[in-house]
């Protein structure tokens, strides 16, 4: 007898399908936000109440997220090692830890 909730094919199909769809949706949302933020300067963000450092962080975070989408889609080839989670991890809030290893 096993303990816990049994897992069957439907559970796995639902989990992988849900994650894949969310990943795709988020890649689209990242590119949309990147396009919108590319139209704004740091000064524009500061006029909204962001500090100089916050504006720079936002610009760096969306650039890293956009680059990760481009790499994933094969639109950008990276030959160097770069952790594209450094700046996004500074804006994703409390309770979320970076994947390591």
Protein backbone atom coordinates (compact mmCIF):
# COMPACT_ATOMS: atom_id res chain seq x y z
CA UNK A 1 0.00 0.00 0.00
CA UNK A 2 1.31 3.45 -0.90
CA UNK A 3 0.82 6.60 1.08
CA UNK A 4 -0.41 9.87 -0.30
CA UNK A 5 -2.36 10.77 -3.39
CA UNK A 6 -1.89 8.37 -6.29
CA UNK A 7 -0.59 9.84 -9.54
CA UNK A 8 -1.81 8.64 -12.89
CA UNK A 9 -1.32 9.60 -16.52
CA UNK A 10 -4.03 12.26 -16.42
CA UNK A 11 -2.32 13.99 -13.49
CA UNK A 12 0.97 14.12 -15.37
CA UNK A 13 -0.71 15.25 -18.61
CA UNK A 14 -2.55 18.04 -16.79
CA UNK A 15 0.58 19.18 -14.92
CA UNK A 16 2.85 19.28 -17.97
CA UNK A 17 0.19 20.79 -20.20
CA UNK A 18 -0.65 23.50 -17.68
CA UNK A 19 3.02 24.38 -17.13
CA UNK A 20 3.81 24.44 -20.86
CA UNK A 21 0.83 26.67 -21.65
CA UNK A 22 1.70 29.07 -18.80
CA UNK A 23 5.33 29.16 -19.95
CA UNK A 24 4.25 30.05 -23.49
CA UNK A 25 1.80 32.70 -22.24
CA UNK A 26 4.46 34.23 -20.03
CA UNK A 27 6.98 34.39 -22.86
CA UNK A 28 4.44 36.39 -24.88
CA UNK A 29 3.73 38.66 -21.90
CA UNK A 30 7.45 39.22 -21.32
CA UNK A 31 7.99 40.32 -24.93
CA UNK A 32 4.95 42.62 -24.75
CA UNK A 33 6.18 44.27 -21.56
CA UNK A 34 9.69 44.51 -22.97
CA UNK A 35 8.35 46.31 -26.05
CA UNK A 36 6.41 48.73 -23.84
CA UNK A 37 9.35 49.39 -21.51
CA UNK A 38 11.72 49.81 -24.46
CA UNK A 39 9.64 52.88 -25.33
CA UNK A 40 10.29 54.41 -21.90
CA UNK A 41 13.53 55.89 -20.69
CA UNK A 42 14.81 55.70 -17.13
CA UNK A 43 13.67 59.32 -16.79
CA UNK A 44 10.15 58.29 -17.83
CA UNK A 45 10.13 55.66 -15.09
CA UNK A 46 11.49 58.13 -12.56
CA UNK A 47 8.62 60.49 -13.47
CA UNK A 48 6.31 57.66 -12.33
CA UNK A 49 8.00 57.65 -8.93
CA UNK A 50 10.82 55.13 -9.38
CA UNK A 51 14.27 56.00 -8.11
CA UNK A 52 17.26 55.96 -10.45
CA UNK A 53 18.28 52.55 -9.08
CA UNK A 54 14.76 51.14 -9.37
CA UNK A 55 14.42 52.34 -12.96
CA UNK A 56 17.74 50.72 -13.84
CA UNK A 57 16.72 47.49 -12.15
CA UNK A 58 13.42 47.36 -14.04
CA UNK A 59 15.20 47.96 -17.36
CA UNK A 60 17.83 45.31 -16.54
CA UNK A 61 15.23 42.77 -15.37
CA UNK A 62 13.05 43.04 -18.48
CA UNK A 63 16.14 42.92 -20.73
CA UNK A 64 17.26 39.67 -19.05
CA UNK A 65 13.77 38.18 -19.27
CA UNK A 66 13.50 39.16 -22.93
CA UNK A 67 16.92 37.67 -23.64
CA UNK A 68 15.86 34.40 -22.00
CA UNK A 69 12.80 34.26 -24.28
CA UNK A 70 14.96 34.96 -27.33
CA UNK A 71 17.40 32.19 -26.36
CA UNK A 72 14.52 29.78 -25.73
CA UNK A 73 13.01 30.52 -29.13
CA UNK A 74 16.33 30.15 -30.92
CA UNK A 75 16.37 33.83 -31.88
CA UNK A 76 19.56 34.49 -29.93
CA UNK A 77 22.57 32.24 -29.66
CA UNK A 78 24.56 32.60 -26.47
CA UNK A 79 28.05 31.20 -26.42
CA UNK A 80 28.86 32.46 -22.94
CA UNK A 81 27.55 31.53 -19.53
CA UNK A 82 25.25 34.16 -18.08
CA UNK A 83 22.72 33.76 -15.30
CA UNK A 84 19.67 35.49 -16.72
CA UNK A 85 17.87 35.29 -13.37
CA UNK A 86 20.08 37.77 -11.51
CA UNK A 87 18.06 40.93 -12.21
CA UNK A 88 14.62 39.28 -12.42
CA UNK A 89 15.22 37.67 -9.02
CA UNK A 90 15.55 41.15 -7.54
CA UNK A 91 12.03 42.10 -8.65
CA UNK A 92 10.02 38.89 -8.23
CA UNK A 93 9.28 39.48 -4.57
CA UNK A 94 9.39 37.59 -1.34
CA UNK A 95 8.84 33.89 -0.98
CA UNK A 96 10.36 32.92 -4.31
CA UNK A 97 13.85 31.52 -4.46
CA UNK A 98 16.14 31.22 -7.45
CA UNK A 99 16.58 27.78 -8.95
CA UNK A 100 20.15 26.70 -8.38
CA UNK A 101 22.26 23.80 -9.51
